[in-house]
Amino acid sequence: VKTGPLAIHPSITTRIGLHHDHHDNLYCLLRGRKRLRLYAPSDAPRMRTHGRVRRVHPNGRINYAGDPTAADGRTAHDVLRWRLRRARR
Protein backbone atom coordinates (compact mmCIF):
# COMPACT_ATOMS: atom_id res chain seq x y z
CA VAL A 1 0.00 0.00 0.00
CA LYS A 2 1.38 3.38 -0.96
CA THR A 3 0.64 6.46 1.08
CA GLY A 4 0.24 9.94 -0.25
CA PRO A 5 -1.15 13.35 0.59
CA LEU A 6 -4.27 13.46 2.70
CA ALA A 7 -6.82 16.22 2.21
CA ILE A 8 -9.34 16.79 4.97
CA HIS A 9 -12.22 19.16 4.37
CA PRO A 10 -14.05 19.59 7.68
CA SER A 11 -17.03 21.64 6.52
CA ILE A 12 -20.03 20.28 4.66
CA THR A 13 -20.05 23.55 2.72
CA THR A 14 -16.50 23.11 1.41
CA ARG A 15 -16.32 23.62 -2.34
CA ILE A 16 -13.39 22.44 -4.37
CA GLY A 17 -12.97 24.00 -7.80
CA LEU A 18 -12.48 22.09 -11.01
CA HIS A 19 -9.04 20.49 -10.96
CA HIS A 20 -7.25 17.27 -11.73
CA ASP A 21 -4.91 15.20 -9.66
CA HIS A 22 -1.90 13.37 -11.02
CA HIS A 23 -2.51 10.27 -8.92
CA ASP A 24 -5.43 7.97 -8.21
CA ASN A 25 -7.70 9.05 -5.40
CA LEU A 26 -10.08 7.48 -2.94
CA TYR A 27 -12.90 9.79 -1.91
CA CYS A 28 -14.40 8.95 1.46
CA LEU A 29 -17.35 10.90 2.83
CA LEU A 30 -17.86 10.38 6.56
CA ARG A 31 -21.15 12.22 6.95
CA GLY A 32 -23.73 13.95 4.78
CA ARG A 33 -23.63 14.00 1.02
CA LYS A 34 -21.51 15.45 -1.71
CA ARG A 35 -22.03 15.91 -5.41
CA LEU A 36 -19.06 15.14 -7.65
CA ARG A 37 -18.71 15.81 -11.35
CA LEU A 38 -16.17 13.64 -13.05
CA TYR A 39 -14.82 14.32 -16.51
CA ALA A 40 -12.75 12.03 -18.69
CA PRO A 41 -9.12 13.10 -19.19
CA SER A 42 -9.86 13.12 -22.92
CA ASP A 43 -12.14 16.14 -22.28
CA ALA A 44 -9.16 18.27 -21.13
CA PRO A 45 -8.37 19.81 -24.55
CA ARG A 46 -11.92 21.19 -24.68
CA MET A 47 -11.80 22.74 -21.18
CA ARG A 48 -10.36 26.05 -20.02
CA THR A 49 -7.19 24.78 -18.39
CA HIS A 50 -4.28 26.70 -16.88
CA GLY A 51 -1.88 25.95 -19.69
CA ARG A 52 -2.20 24.39 -23.13
CA VAL A 53 -2.86 20.67 -23.10
CA ARG A 54 -0.06 19.00 -25.07
CA ARG A 55 -0.93 15.34 -24.62
CA VAL A 56 -3.29 13.02 -22.78
CA HIS A 57 -1.62 9.65 -22.14
CA PRO A 58 -3.70 6.46 -22.51
CA ASN A 59 -3.71 6.12 -18.69
CA GLY A 60 -5.25 9.60 -18.36
CA ARG A 61 -2.15 11.54 -17.33
CA ILE A 62 -2.30 15.05 -18.81
CA ASN A 63 0.78 16.89 -20.10
CA TYR A 64 0.85 20.63 -20.56
CA ALA A 65 3.06 22.51 -23.01
CA GLY A 66 6.47 23.12 -21.45
CA ASP A 67 5.99 20.45 -18.77
CA PRO A 68 6.33 17.04 -20.46
CA THR A 69 6.27 13.83 -18.47
CA ALA A 70 6.05 10.14 -19.21
CA ALA A 71 2.75 8.37 -18.59
CA ASP A 72 3.93 7.45 -15.09
CA GLY A 73 4.87 11.05 -14.24
CA ARG A 74 8.63 10.81 -14.73
CA THR A 75 10.31 13.85 -16.21
CA ALA A 76 13.29 13.71 -18.58
CA HIS A 77 15.41 14.81 -15.59
CA ASP A 78 14.13 11.84 -13.54
CA VAL A 79 15.05 9.42 -16.33
CA LEU A 80 18.54 10.93 -16.67
CA ARG A 81 19.17 10.65 -12.90
CA TRP A 82 18.02 7.01 -12.94
CA ARG A 83 20.32 6.19 -15.86
CA LEU A 84 23.29 7.84 -14.15
CA ARG A 85 22.70 5.94 -10.90
CA ARG A 86 22.33 2.68 -12.81
CA ALA A 87 25.55 3.31 -14.77
CA ARG A 88 27.49 3.83 -11.51
CA ARG A 89 26.59 0.34 -10.25
C-alpha atoms as a PDB file:
ATOM      1  CA  VAL A   1       0.000   0.000   0.000  1.00  0.00           C
ATOM      2  CA  LYS A   2       1.383   3.376  -0.961  1.00  0.00           C
ATOM      3  CA  THR A   3       0.637   6.455   1.076  1.00  0.00           C
ATOM      4  CA  GLY A   4       0.238   9.941  -0.253  1.00  0.00           C
ATOM      5  CA  PRO A   5      -1.149  13.350   0.587  1.00  0.00           C
ATOM      6  CA  LEU A   6      -4.266  13.459   2.703  1.00  0.00           C
ATOM      7  CA  ALA A   7      -6.817  16.223   2.211  1.00  0.00           C
ATOM      8  CA  ILE A   8      -9.335  16.786   4.974  1.00  0.00           C
ATOM      9  CA  HIS A   9     -12.215  19.165   4.368  1.00  0.00           C
ATOM     10  CA  PRO A  10     -14.052  19.588   7.678  1.00  0.00           C
ATOM     11  CA  SER A  11     -17.025  21.639   6.524  1.00  0.00           C
ATOM     12  CA  ILE A  12     -20.027  20.282   4.662  1.00  0.00           C
ATOM     13  CA  THR A  13     -20.053  23.548   2.720  1.00  0.00           C
ATOM     14  CA  THR A  14     -16.497  23.107   1.414  1.00  0.00           C
ATOM     15  CA  ARG A  15     -16.320  23.616  -2.335  1.00  0.00           C
ATOM     16  CA  ILE A  16     -13.390  22.444  -4.370  1.00  0.00           C
ATOM     17  CA  GLY A  17     -12.971  24.001  -7.795  1.00  0.00           C
ATOM     18  CA  LEU A  18     -12.482  22.086 -11.007  1.00  0.00           C
ATOM     19  CA  HIS A  19      -9.041  20.488 -10.956  1.00  0.00           C
ATOM     20  CA  HIS A  20      -7.252  17.267 -11.735  1.00  0.00           C
ATOM     21  CA  ASP A  21      -4.914  15.199  -9.660  1.00  0.00           C
ATOM     22  CA  HIS A  22      -1.900  13.366 -11.016  1.00  0.00           C
ATOM     23  CA  HIS A  23      -2.511  10.270  -8.916  1.00  0.00           C
ATOM     24  CA  ASP A  24      -5.429   7.967  -8.213  1.00  0.00           C
ATOM     25  CA  ASN A  25      -7.704   9.052  -5.402  1.00  0.00           C
ATOM     26  CA  LEU A  26     -10.078   7.484  -2.940  1.00  0.00           C
ATOM     27  CA  TYR A  27     -12.902   9.787  -1.911  1.00  0.00           C
ATOM     28  CA  CYS A  28     -14.401   8.951   1.460  1.00  0.00           C
ATOM     29  CA  LEU A  29     -17.353  10.904   2.834  1.00  0.00           C
ATOM     30  CA  LEU A  30     -17.865  10.383   6.556  1.00  0.00           C
ATOM     31  CA  ARG A  31     -21.152  12.216   6.953  1.00  0.00           C
ATOM     32  CA  GLY A  32     -23.726  13.949   4.785  1.00  0.00           C
ATOM     33  CA  ARG A  33     -23.635  13.995   1.019  1.00  0.00           C
ATOM     34  CA  LYS A  34     -21.505  15.449  -1.706  1.00  0.00           C
ATOM     35  CA  ARG A  35     -22.028  15.912  -5.415  1.00  0.00           C
ATOM     36  CA  LEU A  36     -19.062  15.139  -7.645  1.00  0.00           C
ATOM     37  CA  ARG A  37     -18.713  15.810 -11.345  1.00  0.00           C
ATOM     38  CA  LEU A  38     -16.167  13.638 -13.053  1.00  0.00           C
ATOM     39  CA  TYR A  39     -14.823  14.318 -16.509  1.00  0.00           C
ATOM     40  CA  ALA A  40     -12.745  12.025 -18.690  1.00  0.00           C
ATOM     41  CA  PRO A  41      -9.120  13.101 -19.193  1.00  0.00           C
ATOM     42  CA  SER A  42      -9.855  13.122 -22.924  1.00  0.00           C
ATOM     43  CA  ASP A  43     -12.138  16.143 -22.280  1.00  0.00           C
ATOM     44  CA  ALA A  44      -9.163  18.271 -21.127  1.00  0.00           C
ATOM     45  CA  PRO A  45      -8.375  19.812 -24.550  1.00  0.00           C
ATOM     46  CA  ARG A  46     -11.923  21.193 -24.676  1.00  0.00           C
ATOM     47  CA  MET A  47     -11.798  22.741 -21.180  1.00  0.00           C
ATOM     48  CA  ARG A  48     -10.364  26.050 -20.022  1.00  0.00           C
ATOM     49  CA  THR A  49      -7.190  24.783 -18.393  1.00  0.00           C
ATOM     50  CA  HIS A  50      -4.280  26.696 -16.878  1.00  0.00           C
ATOM     51  CA  GLY A  51      -1.878  25.954 -19.690  1.00  0.00           C
ATOM     52  CA  ARG A  52      -2.199  24.394 -23.133  1.00  0.00           C
ATOM     53  CA  VAL A  53      -2.861  20.667 -23.099  1.00  0.00           C
ATOM     54  CA  ARG A  54      -0.056  19.003 -25.069  1.00  0.00           C
ATOM     55  CA  ARG A  55      -0.932  15.336 -24.619  1.00  0.00           C
ATOM     56  CA  VAL A  56      -3.287  13.018 -22.779  1.00  0.00           C
ATOM     57  CA  HIS A  57      -1.617   9.649 -22.139  1.00  0.00           C
ATOM     58  CA  PRO A  58      -3.698   6.458 -22.505  1.00  0.00           C
ATOM     59  CA  ASN A  59      -3.708   6.119 -18.694  1.00  0.00           C
ATOM     60  CA  GLY A  60      -5.251   9.596 -18.357  1.00  0.00           C
ATOM     61  CA  ARG A  61      -2.150  11.542 -17.331  1.00  0.00           C
ATOM     62  CA  ILE A  62      -2.296  15.053 -18.813  1.00  0.00           C
ATOM     63  CA  ASN A  63       0.784  16.886 -20.096  1.00  0.00           C
ATOM     64  CA  TYR A  64       0.853  20.630 -20.563  1.00  0.00           C
ATOM     65  CA  ALA A  65       3.062  22.514 -23.011  1.00  0.00           C
ATOM     66  CA  GLY A  66       6.473  23.124 -21.453  1.00  0.00           C
ATOM     67  CA  ASP A  67       5.991  20.445 -18.771  1.00  0.00           C
ATOM     68  CA  PRO A  68       6.328  17.043 -20.463  1.00  0.00           C
ATOM     69  CA  THR A  69       6.272  13.831 -18.467  1.00  0.00           C
ATOM     70  CA  ALA A  70       6.046  10.144 -19.208  1.00  0.00           C
ATOM     71  CA  ALA A  71       2.752   8.369 -18.593  1.00  0.00           C
ATOM     72  CA  ASP A  72       3.931   7.451 -15.090  1.00  0.00           C
ATOM     73  CA  GLY A  73       4.867  11.048 -14.239  1.00  0.00           C
ATOM     74  CA  ARG A  74       8.627  10.810 -14.731  1.00  0.00           C
ATOM     75  CA  THR A  75      10.308  13.850 -16.212  1.00  0.00           C
ATOM     76  CA  ALA A  76      13.287  13.712 -18.578  1.00  0.00           C
ATOM     77  CA  HIS A  77      15.406  14.809 -15.588  1.00  0.00           C
ATOM     78  CA  ASP A  78      14.125  11.838 -13.540  1.00  0.00           C
ATOM     79  CA  VAL A  79      15.055   9.421 -16.334  1.00  0.00           C
ATOM     80  CA  LEU A  80      18.535  10.934 -16.665  1.00  0.00           C
ATOM     81  CA  ARG A  81      19.171  10.655 -12.896  1.00  0.00           C
ATOM     82  CA  TRP A  82      18.020   7.009 -12.938  1.00  0.00           C
ATOM     83  CA  ARG A  83      20.321   6.186 -15.859  1.00  0.00           C
ATOM     84  CA  LEU A  84      23.286   7.843 -14.153  1.00  0.00           C
ATOM     85  CA  ARG A  85      22.696   5.936 -10.900  1.00  0.00           C
ATOM     86  CA  ARG A  86      22.333   2.683 -12.809  1.00  0.00           C
ATOM     87  CA  ALA A  87      25.553   3.313 -14.767  1.00  0.00           C
ATOM     88  CA  ARG A  88      27.488   3.825 -11.514  1.00  0.00           C
ATOM     89  CA  ARG A  89      26.586   0.345 -10.253  1.00  0.00           C
END
